[in-house]
PDB file of N, CA and C in Angstrom:
ATOM      1  N   UNK A   1      25.312  62.526-175.799  1.00  0.00           N
ATOM      2  CA  UNK A   1      25.224  63.028-177.158  1.00  0.00           C
ATOM      3  C   UNK A   1      24.879  64.348-177.177  1.00  0.00           C
ATOM      4  N   UNK A   2      25.520  64.772-177.850  1.00  0.00           N
ATOM      5  CA  UNK A   2      25.415  66.675-178.168  1.00  0.00           C
ATOM      6  C   UNK A   2      24.289  66.825-178.844  1.00  0.00           C
ATOM      7  N   UNK A   3      23.288  67.930-178.808  1.00  0.00           N
ATOM      8  CA  UNK A   3      22.371  68.527-179.890  1.00  0.00           C
ATOM      9  C   UNK A   3      22.953  69.096-180.878  1.00  0.00           C
ATOM     10  N   UNK A   4      22.713  68.725-182.128  1.00  0.00           N
ATOM     11  CA  UNK A   4      23.502  69.559-183.420  1.00  0.00           C
ATOM     12  C   UNK A   4      23.937  71.314-182.824  1.00  0.00           C
ATOM     13  N   UNK A   5      24.867  71.117-183.734  1.00  0.00           N
ATOM     14  CA  UNK A   5      25.445  72.489-183.686  1.00  0.00           C
ATOM     15  C   UNK A   5      24.065  73.971-184.029  1.00  0.00           C
ATOM     16  N   UNK A   6      23.755  73.469-185.145  1.00  0.00           N
ATOM     17  CA  UNK A   6      22.307  74.618-185.530  1.00  0.00           C
ATOM     18  C   UNK A   6      21.475  74.778-184.670  1.00  0.00           C
ATOM     19  N   UNK A   7      21.133  74.655-183.532  1.00  0.00           N
ATOM     20  CA  UNK A   7      20.352  74.654-182.544  1.00  0.00           C
ATOM     21  C   UNK A   7      21.092  75.598-181.414  1.00  0.00           C
ATOM     22  N   UNK A   8      22.480  75.686-181.603  1.00  0.00           N
ATOM     23  CA  UNK A   8      22.996  76.330-180.739  1.00  0.00           C
ATOM     24  C   UNK A   8      23.191  78.101-181.163  1.00  0.00           C
ATOM     25  N   UNK A   9      22.854  77.693-182.216  1.00  0.00           N
ATOM     26  CA  UNK A   9      23.149  79.269-182.797  1.00  0.00           C
ATOM     27  C   UNK A   9      21.789  80.519-182.843  1.00  0.00           C
ATOM     28  N   UNK A  10      20.904  79.360-182.439  1.00  0.00           N
ATOM     29  CA  UNK A  10      19.469  80.687-182.374  1.00  0.00           C
ATOM     30  C   UNK A  10      19.307  80.721-180.582  1.00  0.00           C
ATOM     31  N   UNK A  11      19.662  79.943-179.963  1.00  0.00           N
ATOM     32  CA  UNK A  11      19.429  80.439-178.434  1.00  0.00           C
ATOM     33  C   UNK A  11      20.820  80.858-177.613  1.00  0.00           C
ATOM     34  N   UNK A  12      20.912  81.764-177.008  1.00  0.00           N
ATOM     35  CA  UNK A  12      21.681  82.676-176.661  1.00  0.00           C
ATOM     36  C   UNK A  12      21.679  82.830-174.601  1.00  0.00           C
ATOM     37  N   UNK A  13      22.397  82.815-174.332  1.00  0.00           N
ATOM     38  CA  UNK A  13      22.131  82.833-172.600  1.00  0.00           C
ATOM     39  C   UNK A  13      22.053  84.728-172.477  1.00  0.00           C
ATOM     40  N   UNK A  14      21.041  85.147-171.299  1.00  0.00           N
ATOM     41  CA  UNK A  14      21.338  86.355-171.040  1.00  0.00           C
ATOM     42  C   UNK A  14      22.712  86.743-170.262  1.00  0.00           C
ATOM     43  N   UNK A  15      22.837  88.056-170.174  1.00  0.00           N
ATOM     44  CA  UNK A  15      24.189  88.471-169.378  1.00  0.00           C
ATOM     45  C   UNK A  15      23.270  88.368-168.237  1.00  0.00           C
ATOM     46  N   UNK A  16      24.570  88.805-166.747  1.00  0.00           N
ATOM     47  CA  UNK A  16      23.923  88.378-165.726  1.00  0.00           C
ATOM     48  C   UNK A  16      23.319  89.434-165.249  1.00  0.00           C
ATOM     49  N   UNK A  17      22.892  90.404-165.308  1.00  0.00           N
ATOM     50  CA  UNK A  17      22.557  91.479-164.938  1.00  0.00           C
ATOM     51  C   UNK A  17      20.934  91.780-165.516  1.00  0.00           C
ATOM     52  N   UNK A  18      20.946  90.914-166.881  1.00  0.00           N
ATOM     53  CA  UNK A  18      19.612  91.083-167.761  1.00  0.00           C
ATOM     54  C   UNK A  18      19.132  89.965-167.200  1.00  0.00           C
ATOM     55  N   UNK A  19      19.396  88.897-166.738  1.00  0.00           N
ATOM     56  CA  UNK A  19      19.144  87.816-166.171  1.00  0.00           C
ATOM     57  C   UNK A  19      18.079  88.526-165.163  1.00  0.00           C
ATOM     58  N   UNK A  20      18.364  89.057-163.951  1.00  0.00           N
ATOM     59  CA  UNK A  20      18.134  89.081-162.966  1.00  0.00           C
ATOM     60  C   UNK A  20      16.830  90.492-162.968  1.00  0.00           C
ATOM     61  N   UNK A  21      16.920  91.111-164.237  1.00  0.00           N
ATOM     62  CA  UNK A  21      15.969  92.008-164.696  1.00  0.00           C
ATOM     63  C   UNK A  21      14.954  91.121-165.126  1.00  0.00           C
ATOM     64  N   UNK A  22      15.168  89.946-165.823  1.00  0.00           N
ATOM     65  CA  UNK A  22      14.048  89.270-166.342  1.00  0.00           C
ATOM     66  C   UNK A  22      13.188  88.678-165.356  1.00  0.00           C
ATOM     67  N   UNK A  23      13.527  88.274-164.363  1.00  0.00           N
ATOM     68  CA  UNK A  23      12.917  87.628-163.279  1.00  0.00           C
ATOM     69  C   UNK A  23      11.956  88.601-161.996  1.00  0.00           C
ATOM     70  N   UNK A  24      12.309  89.990-162.800  1.00  0.00           N
ATOM     71  CA  UNK A  24      11.850  91.139-162.206  1.00  0.00           C
ATOM     72  C   UNK A  24      10.845  91.211-163.164  1.00  0.00           C
ATOM     73  N   UNK A  25      10.304  91.208-164.222  1.00  0.00           N
ATOM     74  CA  UNK A  25       9.400  91.909-165.334  1.00  0.00           C
ATOM     75  C   UNK A  25       8.987  90.723-165.437  1.00  0.00           C
ATOM     76  N   UNK A  26       8.760  89.225-165.133  1.00  0.00           N
ATOM     77  CA  UNK A  26       8.679  88.361-166.532  1.00  0.00           C
ATOM     78  C   UNK A  26       6.752  88.587-166.020  1.00  0.00           C
ATOM     79  N   UNK A  27       6.049  88.104-167.373  1.00  0.00           N
ATOM     80  CA  UNK A  27       4.953  88.298-167.688  1.00  0.00           C
ATOM     81  C   UNK A  27       4.108  87.473-167.677  1.00  0.00           C
ATOM     82  N   UNK A  28       4.797  85.990-167.974  1.00  0.00           N
ATOM     83  CA  UNK A  28       3.691  85.141-167.953  1.00  0.00           C
ATOM     84  C   UNK A  28       4.811  83.887-167.100  1.00  0.00           C
ATOM     85  N   UNK A  29       3.715  83.023-166.691  1.00  0.00           N
ATOM     86  CA  UNK A  29       4.310  82.227-165.400  1.00  0.00           C
ATOM     87  C   UNK A  29       3.674  80.644-165.404  1.00  0.00           C
ATOM     88  N   UNK A  30       4.137  79.526-165.682  1.00  0.00           N
ATOM     89  CA  UNK A  30       3.924  78.355-165.739  1.00  0.00           C
ATOM     90  C   UNK A  30       4.697  77.275-164.928  1.00  0.00           C
ATOM     91  N   UNK A  31       3.961  76.653-163.955  1.00  0.00           N
ATOM     92  CA  UNK A  31       4.893  75.334-162.939  1.00  0.00           C
ATOM     93  C   UNK A  31       4.620  74.066-163.403  1.00  0.00           C
ATOM     94  N   UNK A  32       5.564  73.703-163.568  1.00  0.00           N
ATOM     95  CA  UNK A  32       5.458  72.282-163.979  1.00  0.00           C
ATOM     96  C   UNK A  32       5.864  71.243-163.036  1.00  0.00           C
ATOM     97  N   UNK A  33       5.880  69.885-163.121  1.00  0.00           N
ATOM     98  CA  UNK A  33       6.720  69.064-161.792  1.00  0.00           C
ATOM     99  C   UNK A  33       8.300  69.205-161.825  1.00  0.00           C
ATOM    100  N   UNK A  34       8.346  69.813-163.056  1.00  0.00           N
ATOM    101  CA  UNK A  34      10.478  69.482-163.053  1.00  0.00           C
ATOM    102  C   UNK A  34      11.130  71.191-163.448  1.00  0.00           C
ATOM    103  N   UNK A  35      10.148  72.000-163.280  1.00  0.00           N
ATOM    104  CA  UNK A  35      10.858  73.320-163.807  1.00  0.00           C
ATOM    105  C   UNK A  35       9.433  74.248-163.625  1.00  0.00           C
ATOM    106  N   UNK A  36       9.684  75.627-163.685  1.00  0.00           N
ATOM    107  CA  UNK A  36       9.325  76.883-163.760  1.00  0.00           C
ATOM    108  C   UNK A  36       9.360  77.821-164.859  1.00  0.00           C
ATOM    109  N   UNK A  37       8.801  78.084-165.683  1.00  0.00           N
ATOM    110  CA  UNK A  37       8.778  78.242-166.663  1.00  0.00           C
ATOM    111  C   UNK A  37       8.237  79.866-166.828  1.00  0.00           C
ATOM    112  N   UNK A  38       9.025  80.854-166.772  1.00  0.00           N
ATOM    113  CA  UNK A  38       8.985  82.117-167.088  1.00  0.00           C
ATOM    114  C   UNK A  38       9.363  82.772-168.515  1.00  0.00           C
ATOM    115  N   UNK A  39       8.483  83.789-168.757  1.00  0.00           N
ATOM    116  CA  UNK A  39       8.320  84.604-170.607  1.00  0.00           C
ATOM    117  C   UNK A  39       8.526  85.759-170.508  1.00  0.00           C
ATOM    118  N   UNK A  40       8.812  86.597-170.514  1.00  0.00           N
ATOM    119  CA  UNK A  40       8.976  87.924-171.124  1.00  0.00           C
ATOM    120  C   UNK A  40       9.529  88.301-172.239  1.00  0.00           C
ATOM    121  N   UNK A  41       9.089  89.904-173.000  1.00  0.00           N
ATOM    122  CA  UNK A  41       9.218  90.472-174.224  1.00  0.00           C
ATOM    123  C   UNK A  41      10.949  90.038-173.834  1.00  0.00           C
ATOM    124  N   UNK A  42      11.834  90.248-175.105  1.00  0.00           N
ATOM    125  CA  UNK A  42      12.979  90.113-175.093  1.00  0.00           C
ATOM    126  C   UNK A  42      13.899  91.290-174.503  1.00  0.00           C
ATOM    127  N   UNK A  43      14.927  91.064-174.032  1.00  0.00           N
ATOM    128  CA  UNK A  43      15.820  92.120-173.017  1.00  0.00           C
ATOM    129  C   UNK A  43      16.556  92.777-173.838  1.00  0.00           C
ATOM    130  N   UNK A  44      16.837  94.180-173.761  1.00  0.00           N
ATOM    131  CA  UNK A  44      17.611  94.501-174.657  1.00  0.00           C
ATOM    132  C   UNK A  44      18.928  94.952-174.104  1.00  0.00           C
ATOM    133  N   UNK A  45      20.020  94.058-174.227  1.00  0.00           N
ATOM    134  CA  UNK A  45      21.300  93.828-173.229  1.00  0.00           C
ATOM    135  C   UNK A  45      22.087  95.384-173.950  1.00  0.00           C
ATOM    136  N   UNK A  46      22.985  95.535-173.323  1.00  0.00           N
ATOM    137  CA  UNK A  46      24.273  96.341-173.859  1.00  0.00           C
ATOM    138  C   UNK A  46      24.527  95.962-175.124  1.00  0.00           C
ATOM    139  N   UNK A  47      24.713  94.521-175.292  1.00  0.00           N
ATOM    140  CA  UNK A  47      25.283  93.721-176.423  1.00  0.00           C
ATOM    141  C   UNK A  47      24.587  93.425-177.297  1.00  0.00           C
ATOM    142  N   UNK A  48      24.171  93.789-178.520  1.00  0.00           N
ATOM    143  CA  UNK A  48      22.800  93.323-179.601  1.00  0.00           C
ATOM    144  C   UNK A  48      22.877  91.686-179.481  1.00  0.00           C
ATOM    145  N   UNK A  49      22.326  90.896-179.578  1.00  0.00           N
ATOM    146  CA  UNK A  49      22.312  89.706-179.780  1.00  0.00           C
ATOM    147  C   UNK A  49      21.357  89.651-180.977  1.00  0.00           C
ATOM    148  N   UNK A  50      22.415  88.806-181.797  1.00  0.00           N
ATOM    149  CA  UNK A  50      21.750  88.338-183.486  1.00  0.00           C
ATOM    150  C   UNK A  50      20.543  86.986-182.941  1.00  0.00           C
ATOM    151  N   UNK A  51      20.809  86.201-181.928  1.00  0.00           N
ATOM    152  CA  UNK A  51      19.799  85.515-181.581  1.00  0.00           C
ATOM    153  C   UNK A  51      17.922  85.504-181.609  1.00  0.00           C
ATOM    154  N   UNK A  52      17.474  84.720-181.952  1.00  0.00           N
ATOM    155  CA  UNK A  52      15.872  84.935-181.458  1.00  0.00           C
ATOM    156  C   UNK A  52      15.429  84.506-180.303  1.00  0.00           C
ATOM    157  N   UNK A  53      16.441  83.965-179.350  1.00  0.00           N
ATOM    158  CA  UNK A  53      15.679  83.703-177.798  1.00  0.00           C
ATOM    159  C   UNK A  53      16.500  84.060-177.219  1.00  0.00           C
ATOM    160  N   UNK A  54      16.258  84.442-175.532  1.00  0.00           N
ATOM    161  CA  UNK A  54      17.873  84.579-174.596  1.00  0.00           C
ATOM    162  C   UNK A  54      16.762  83.439-173.701  1.00  0.00           C
ATOM    163  N   UNK A  55      17.894  82.977-173.032  1.00  0.00           N
ATOM    164  CA  UNK A  55      17.241  81.790-171.776  1.00  0.00           C
ATOM    165  C   UNK A  55      18.469  81.861-170.836  1.00  0.00           C
ATOM    166  N   UNK A  56      17.166  81.882-169.979  1.00  0.00           N
ATOM    167  CA  UNK A  56      17.995  81.952-168.175  1.00  0.00           C
ATOM    168  C   UNK A  56      17.808  80.407-167.628  1.00  0.00           C
ATOM    169  N   UNK A  57      19.053  79.986-167.078  1.00  0.00           N
ATOM    170  CA  UNK A  57      18.309  78.711-166.478  1.00  0.00           C
ATOM    171  C   UNK A  57      18.662  78.840-164.895  1.00  0.00           C
ATOM    172  N   UNK A  58      18.067  78.739-164.096  1.00  0.00           N
ATOM    173  CA  UNK A  58      18.033  78.625-162.874  1.00  0.00           C
ATOM    174  C   UNK A  58      18.047  77.708-161.859  1.00  0.00           C
ATOM    175  N   UNK A  59      19.077  77.491-160.872  1.00  0.00           N
ATOM    176  CA  UNK A  59      18.839  75.683-160.064  1.00  0.00           C
ATOM    177  C   UNK A  59      19.688  76.762-159.082  1.00  0.00           C
ATOM    178  N   UNK A  60      18.818  76.618-158.099  1.00  0.00           N
ATOM    179  CA  UNK A  60      18.665  77.488-156.475  1.00  0.00           C
ATOM    180  C   UNK A  60      19.504  75.951-155.701  1.00  0.00           C
ATOM    181  N   UNK A  61      20.536  76.507-154.652  1.00  0.00           N
ATOM    182  CA  UNK A  61      20.694  75.400-153.709  1.00  0.00           C
ATOM    183  C   UNK A  61      19.276  74.817-152.872  1.00  0.00           C
ATOM    184  N   UNK A  62      18.300  75.812-152.849  1.00  0.00           N
ATOM    185  CA  UNK A  62      17.062  74.874-152.088  1.00  0.00           C
ATOM    186  C   UNK A  62      16.505  73.716-153.113  1.00  0.00           C
ATOM    187  N   UNK A  63      16.562  73.701-154.481  1.00  0.00           N
ATOM    188  CA  UNK A  63      16.318  72.567-155.710  1.00  0.00           C
ATOM    189  C   UNK A  63      17.347  71.490-155.669  1.00  0.00           C
ATOM    190  N   UNK A  64      18.720  71.543-155.084  1.00  0.00           N
ATOM    191  CA  UNK A  64      19.438  70.358-155.001  1.00  0.00           C
ATOM    192  C   UNK A  64      20.911  70.662-154.336  1.00  0.00           C
ATOM    193  N   UNK A  65      20.974  70.404-153.042  1.00  0.00           N
ATOM    194  CA  UNK A  65      22.221  70.874-152.132  1.00  0.00           C
ATOM    195  C   UNK A  65      23.368  71.000-152.744  1.00  0.00           C
ATOM    196  N   UNK A  66      24.050  69.442-153.473  1.00  0.00           N
ATOM    197  CA  UNK A  66      25.241  69.742-154.003  1.00  0.00           C
ATOM    198  C   UNK A  66      25.337  70.105-155.197  1.00  0.00           C
ATOM    199  N   UNK A  67      26.536  70.514-155.515  1.00  0.00           N
ATOM    200  CA  UNK A  67      26.746  70.901-156.858  1.00  0.00           C
ATOM    201  C   UNK A  67      26.632  70.467-157.932  1.00  0.00           C
ATOM    202  N   UNK A  68      26.724  68.857-158.050  1.00  0.00           N
ATOM    203  CA  UNK A  68      27.206  67.996-158.561  1.00  0.00           C
ATOM    204  C   UNK A  68      25.444  67.695-159.295  1.00  0.00           C
ATOM    205  N   UNK A  69      24.782  67.873-158.327  1.00  0.00           N
ATOM    206  CA  UNK A  69      23.504  67.777-158.791  1.00  0.00           C
ATOM    207  C   UNK A  69      22.804  69.283-159.700  1.00  0.00           C
ATOM    208  N   UNK A  70      23.220  70.009-158.802  1.00  0.00           N
ATOM    209  CA  UNK A  70      22.572  71.052-159.917  1.00  0.00           C
ATOM    210  C   UNK A  70      23.339  71.594-160.924  1.00  0.00           C
ATOM    211  N   UNK A  71      24.330  71.060-161.226  1.00  0.00           N
ATOM    212  CA  UNK A  71      24.979  71.254-162.512  1.00  0.00           C
ATOM    213  C   UNK A  71      24.167  70.272-163.446  1.00  0.00           C
ATOM    214  N   UNK A  72      24.151  68.759-163.471  1.00  0.00           N
ATOM    215  CA  UNK A  72      23.248  67.831-163.947  1.00  0.00           C
ATOM    216  C   UNK A  72      21.908  68.158-164.262  1.00  0.00           C
ATOM    217  N   UNK A  73      21.623  69.444-163.278  1.00  0.00           N
ATOM    218  CA  UNK A  73      19.762  69.371-163.318  1.00  0.00           C
ATOM    219  C   UNK A  73      20.321  70.547-164.423  1.00  0.00           C
ATOM    220  N   UNK A  74      20.696  71.672-164.695  1.00  0.00           N
ATOM    221  CA  UNK A  74      21.724  72.700-165.287  1.00  0.00           C
ATOM    222  C   UNK A  74      21.399  72.079-166.743  1.00  0.00           C
ATOM    223  N   UNK A  75      22.472  70.770-166.877  1.00  0.00           N
ATOM    224  CA  UNK A  75      22.512  70.517-167.903  1.00  0.00           C
ATOM    225  C   UNK A  75      21.325  69.637-169.029  1.00  0.00           C
ATOM    226  N   UNK A  76      20.907  69.046-167.857  1.00  0.00           N
ATOM    227  CA  UNK A  76      19.657  68.364-168.462  1.00  0.00           C
ATOM    228  C   UNK A  76      18.393  69.520-168.803  1.00  0.00           C
ATOM    229  N   UNK A  77      18.198  70.688-168.154  1.00  0.00           N
ATOM    230  CA  UNK A  77      17.181  71.615-169.078  1.00  0.00           C
ATOM    231  C   UNK A  77      17.532  72.351-170.114  1.00  0.00           C
ATOM    232  N   UNK A  78      19.506  72.624-169.977  1.00  0.00           N
ATOM    233  CA  UNK A  78      19.372  72.892-171.192  1.00  0.00           C
ATOM    234  C   UNK A  78      19.558  71.854-172.498  1.00  0.00           C
ATOM    235  N   UNK A  79      19.124  70.788-171.817  1.00  0.00           N
ATOM    236  CA  UNK A  79      19.130  69.644-173.325  1.00  0.00           C
ATOM    237  C   UNK A  79      17.623  69.767-173.837  1.00  0.00           C
ATOM    238  N   UNK A  80      16.718  70.004-172.830  1.00  0.00           N
ATOM    239  CA  UNK A  80      15.335  70.326-173.389  1.00  0.00           C
ATOM    240  C   UNK A  80      15.247  71.553-173.957  1.00  0.00           C
ATOM    241  N   UNK A  81      16.059  72.780-173.640  1.00  0.00           N
ATOM    242  CA  UNK A  81      15.577  73.593-174.213  1.00  0.00           C
ATOM    243  C   UNK A  81      16.035  73.843-176.006  1.00  0.00           C
ATOM    244  N   UNK A  82      17.425  73.287-175.790  1.00  0.00           N
ATOM    245  CA  UNK A  82      18.107  72.597-177.324  1.00  0.00           C
ATOM    246  C   UNK A  82      17.314  72.497-178.284  1.00  0.00           C
ATOM    247  N   UNK A  83      16.233  71.676-177.698  1.00  0.00           N
ATOM    248  CA  UNK A  83      15.636  70.290-178.593  1.00  0.00           C
ATOM    249  C   UNK A  83      13.894  71.204-178.752  1.00  0.00           C
ATOM    250  N   UNK A  84      13.464  71.965-178.057  1.00  0.00           N
ATOM    251  CA  UNK A  84      12.220  72.146-177.812  1.00  0.00           C
ATOM    252  C   UNK A  84      11.811  73.608-178.728  1.00  0.00           C
ATOM    253  N   UNK A  85      13.179  74.513-178.037  1.00  0.00           N
ATOM    254  CA  UNK A  85      12.698  76.097-177.934  1.00  0.00           C
ATOM    255  C   UNK A  85      12.742  76.335-179.898  1.00  0.00           C
ATOM    256  N   UNK A  86      13.930  76.167-180.352  1.00  0.00           N
ATOM    257  CA  UNK A  86      14.166  76.424-181.625  1.00  0.00           C
ATOM    258  C   UNK A  86      13.086  76.171-182.641  1.00  0.00           C
ATOM    259  N   UNK A  87      12.006  74.715-182.057  1.00  0.00           N
ATOM    260  CA  UNK A  87      10.958  74.175-182.806  1.00  0.00           C
ATOM    261  C   UNK A  87       9.828  74.707-182.647  1.00  0.00           C
ATOM    262  N   UNK A  88       9.829  74.826-181.313  1.00  0.00           N
ATOM    263  CA  UNK A  88       8.330  75.329-181.428  1.00  0.00           C
ATOM    264  C   UNK A  88       8.277  76.947-180.239  1.00  0.00           C
ATOM    265  N   UNK A  89       9.472  77.659-180.127  1.00  0.00           N
ATOM    266  CA  UNK A  89       9.353  79.076-179.049  1.00  0.00           C
ATOM    267  C   UNK A  89       8.822  79.994-179.831  1.00  0.00           C
ATOM    268  N   UNK A  90       8.362  81.048-179.823  1.00  0.00           N
ATOM    269  CA  UNK A  90       8.166  82.062-180.284  1.00  0.00           C
ATOM    270  C   UNK A  90       9.223  83.110-180.342  1.00  0.00           C
ATOM    271  N   UNK A  91       9.684  83.937-181.443  1.00  0.00           N
ATOM    272  CA  UNK A  91      10.553  84.463-181.288  1.00  0.00           C
ATOM    273  C   UNK A  91      10.841  86.038-180.719  1.00  0.00           C
ATOM    274  N   UNK A  92      11.729  86.500-180.268  1.00  0.00           N
ATOM    275  CA  UNK A  92      11.745  87.791-179.777  1.00  0.00           C
ATOM    276  C   UNK A  92      11.357  87.632-178.369  1.00  0.00           C
ATOM    277  N   UNK A  93      11.310  86.457-177.494  1.00  0.00           N
ATOM    278  CA  UNK A  93      10.503  86.554-176.262  1.00  0.00           C
ATOM    279  C   UNK A  93      12.123  85.801-175.242  1.00  0.00           C
ATOM    280  N   UNK A  94      11.940  86.540-174.098  1.00  0.00           N
ATOM    281  CA  UNK A  94      13.042  85.090-173.408  1.00  0.00           C
ATOM    282  C   UNK A  94      12.440  84.393-172.421  1.00  0.00           C
ATOM    283  N   UNK A  95      13.145  83.448-171.717  1.00  0.00           N
ATOM    284  CA  UNK A  95      12.528  82.517-171.385  1.00  0.00           C
ATOM    285  C   UNK A  95      13.767  82.083-170.158  1.00  0.00           C
ATOM    286  N   UNK A  96      13.095  82.235-169.088  1.00  0.00           N
ATOM    287  CA  UNK A  96      13.676  81.460-167.784  1.00  0.00           C
ATOM    288  C   UNK A  96      13.065  79.978-167.562  1.00  0.00           C
ATOM    289  N   UNK A  97      13.922  79.120-167.387  1.00  0.00           N
ATOM    290  CA  UNK A  97      13.412  77.977-166.601  1.00  0.00           C
ATOM    291  C   UNK A  97      14.360  77.839-165.249  1.00  0.00           C
ATOM    292  N   UNK A  98      13.413  77.997-164.073  1.00  0.00           N
ATOM    293  CA  UNK A  98      13.670  77.420-162.897  1.00  0.00           C
ATOM    294  C   UNK A  98      13.743  76.302-162.545  1.00  0.00           C
ATOM    295  N   UNK A  99      14.658  75.895-162.007  1.00  0.00           N
ATOM    296  CA  UNK A  99      14.894  73.683-161.437  1.00  0.00           C
ATOM    297  C   UNK A  99      13.936  73.637-160.431  1.00  0.00           C
ATOM    298  N   UNK A 100      13.248  72.716-160.408  1.00  0.00           N
ATOM    299  CA  UNK A 100      12.539  72.369-159.372  1.00  0.00           C
ATOM    300  C   UNK A 100      13.221  70.669-158.705  1.00  0.00           C
ATOM    301  N   UNK A 101      13.273  70.335-157.774  1.00  0.00           N
ATOM    302  CA  UNK A 101      13.786  69.393-157.457  1.00  0.00           C
ATOM    303  C   UNK A 101      13.513  67.898-158.409  1.00  0.00           C
ATOM    304  N   UNK A 102      12.537  67.813-159.146  1.00  0.00           N
ATOM    305  CA  UNK A 102      11.864  66.650-160.060  1.00  0.00           C
ATOM    306  C   UNK A 102      12.663  66.795-160.900  1.00  0.00           C
ATOM    307  N   UNK A 103      13.677  67.930-161.465  1.00  0.00           N
ATOM    308  CA  UNK A 103      13.925  67.760-162.613  1.00  0.00           C
ATOM    309  C   UNK A 103      15.295  66.934-162.943  1.00  0.00           C
ATOM    310  N   UNK A 104      15.914  66.035-161.427  1.00  0.00           N
ATOM    311  CA  UNK A 104      16.675  65.772-161.408  1.00  0.00           C
ATOM    312  C   UNK A 104      16.682  64.117-161.758  1.00  0.00           C
ATOM    313  N   UNK A 105      15.258  64.045-161.367  1.00  0.00           N
ATOM    314  CA  UNK A 105      15.208  62.218-161.715  1.00  0.00           C
ATOM    315  C   UNK A 105      13.846  62.260-162.820  1.00  0.00           C
ATOM    316  N   UNK A 106      13.195  63.253-163.143  1.00  0.00           N
ATOM    317  CA  UNK A 106      12.343  63.622-164.189  1.00  0.00           C
ATOM    318  C   UNK A 106      12.730  62.859-165.661  1.00  0.00           C
ATOM    319  N   UNK A 107      11.923  62.107-166.800  1.00  0.00           N
ATOM    320  CA  UNK A 107      12.582  61.164-167.791  1.00  0.00           C
ATOM    321  C   UNK A 107      12.396  62.454-168.541  1.00  0.00           C
ATOM    322  N   UNK A 108      13.626  62.814-169.072  1.00  0.00           N
ATOM    323  CA  UNK A 108      13.792  63.519-170.502  1.00  0.00           C
ATOM    324  C   UNK A 108      12.443  64.133-171.499  1.00  0.00           C
ATOM    325  N   UNK A 109      11.969  62.668-171.937  1.00  0.00           N
ATOM    326  CA  UNK A 109      10.926  62.508-172.407  1.00  0.00           C
ATOM    327  C   UNK A 109       9.903  63.517-172.487  1.00  0.00           C
ATOM    328  N   UNK A 110       9.792  63.078-170.997  1.00  0.00           N
ATOM    329  CA  UNK A 110       8.178  64.041-170.257  1.00  0.00           C
ATOM    330  C   UNK A 110       8.397  65.161-170.057  1.00  0.00           C
ATOM    331  N   UNK A 111       9.890  65.695-169.566  1.00  0.00           N
ATOM    332  CA  UNK A 111      10.411  66.726-169.719  1.00  0.00           C
ATOM    333  C   UNK A 111      10.054  68.081-170.879  1.00  0.00           C
ATOM    334  N   UNK A 112      10.033  67.290-171.977  1.00  0.00           N
ATOM    335  CA  UNK A 112      10.452  67.826-173.226  1.00  0.00           C
ATOM    336  C   UNK A 112       8.812  68.108-173.573  1.00  0.00           C
ATOM    337  N   UNK A 113       7.988  66.847-172.747  1.00  0.00           N
ATOM    338  CA  UNK A 113       6.409  67.521-172.637  1.00  0.00           C
ATOM    339  C   UNK A 113       5.835  68.379-172.239  1.00  0.00           C
ATOM    340  N   UNK A 114       6.397  68.568-171.123  1.00  0.00           N
ATOM    341  CA  UNK A 114       6.484  69.444-170.199  1.00  0.00           C
ATOM    342  C   UNK A 114       6.457  70.872-170.664  1.00  0.00           C
ATOM    343  N   UNK A 115       7.601  70.775-171.439  1.00  0.00           N
ATOM    344  CA  UNK A 115       8.230  72.360-171.695  1.00  0.00           C
ATOM    345  C   UNK A 115       7.367  72.907-173.161  1.00  0.00           C
ATOM    346  N   UNK A 116       6.938  71.861-173.577  1.00  0.00           N
ATOM    347  CA  UNK A 116       5.754  71.922-174.980  1.00  0.00           C
ATOM    348  C   UNK A 116       4.596  72.718-174.368  1.00  0.00           C
ATOM    349  N   UNK A 117       3.757  71.767-173.592  1.00  0.00           N
ATOM    350  CA  UNK A 117       2.827  72.241-172.825  1.00  0.00           C
ATOM    351  C   UNK A 117       2.328  73.252-171.889  1.00  0.00           C
ATOM    352  N   UNK A 118       3.703  73.794-171.607  1.00  0.00           N
ATOM    353  CA  UNK A 118       4.011  75.347-170.603  1.00  0.00           C
ATOM    354  C   UNK A 118       4.089  76.431-171.897  1.00  0.00           C
ATOM    355  N   UNK A 119       4.937  75.821-172.803  1.00  0.00           N
ATOM    356  CA  UNK A 119       4.321  76.696-174.098  1.00  0.00           C
ATOM    357  C   UNK A 119       3.263  77.204-174.585  1.00  0.00           C
ATOM    358  N   UNK A 120       2.332  75.647-174.709  1.00  0.00           N
ATOM    359  CA  UNK A 120       1.204  76.022-175.360  1.00  0.00           C
ATOM    360  C   UNK A 120       0.594  76.840-174.137  1.00  0.00           C
ATOM    361  N   UNK A 121       0.386  76.636-173.077  1.00  0.00           N
ATOM    362  CA  UNK A 121      -0.371  77.020-171.836  1.00  0.00           C
ATOM    363  C   UNK A 121      -0.209  78.595-171.616  1.00  0.00           C
ATOM    364  N   UNK A 122       1.219  79.107-172.247  1.00  0.00           N
ATOM    365  CA  UNK A 122       1.559  80.441-172.355  1.00  0.00           C
ATOM    366  C   UNK A 122       0.980  81.057-173.066  1.00  0.00           C
ATOM    367  N   UNK A 123       0.491  80.166-174.641  1.00  0.00           N
ATOM    368  CA  UNK A 123       0.532  80.707-176.162  1.00  0.00           C
ATOM    369  C   UNK A 123       1.567  81.284-176.604  1.00  0.00           C
ATOM    370  N   UNK A 124       2.669  80.960-176.420  1.00  0.00           N
ATOM    371  CA  UNK A 124       4.201  81.185-177.190  1.00  0.00           C
ATOM    372  C   UNK A 124       4.578  79.740-178.076  1.00  0.00           C
ATOM    373  N   UNK A 125       3.735  78.975-178.712  1.00  0.00           N
ATOM    374  CA  UNK A 125       4.040  78.302-179.485  1.00  0.00           C
ATOM    375  C   UNK A 125       3.912  78.792-181.167  1.00  0.00           C
ATOM    376  N   UNK A 126       4.943  78.691-181.602  1.00  0.00           N
ATOM    377  CA  UNK A 126       4.872  79.525-183.389  1.00  0.00           C
ATOM    378  C   UNK A 126       3.926  79.303-184.114  1.00  0.00           C
TER     379      UNK A 126
END
């Protein structure tokens, strides 16, 4: 089942170059069992973004060896981000979620709680 379209308009993917700049200058970081959340102020890319959030989801070969598992992990994290960030995330910030091996098998409800808790610990709740 897909997330409602209204959530998709508030979250945008960062351009490739901005994603690497993001990882270099991330100010806040919180580690959960399923992912690592990094937050920094909004990166100004070449193209203006009307959205309030920028999201980078990183899944390395170290987290999962097969491409099928990496894509599944990416989709699971995208679903969690679409549900939580529009409701609870602060505007004007970019978020990076780096997947860990547990994000493949962790319960989705628990991953939503993890993201909420990480946002709270980083003082990024609305």
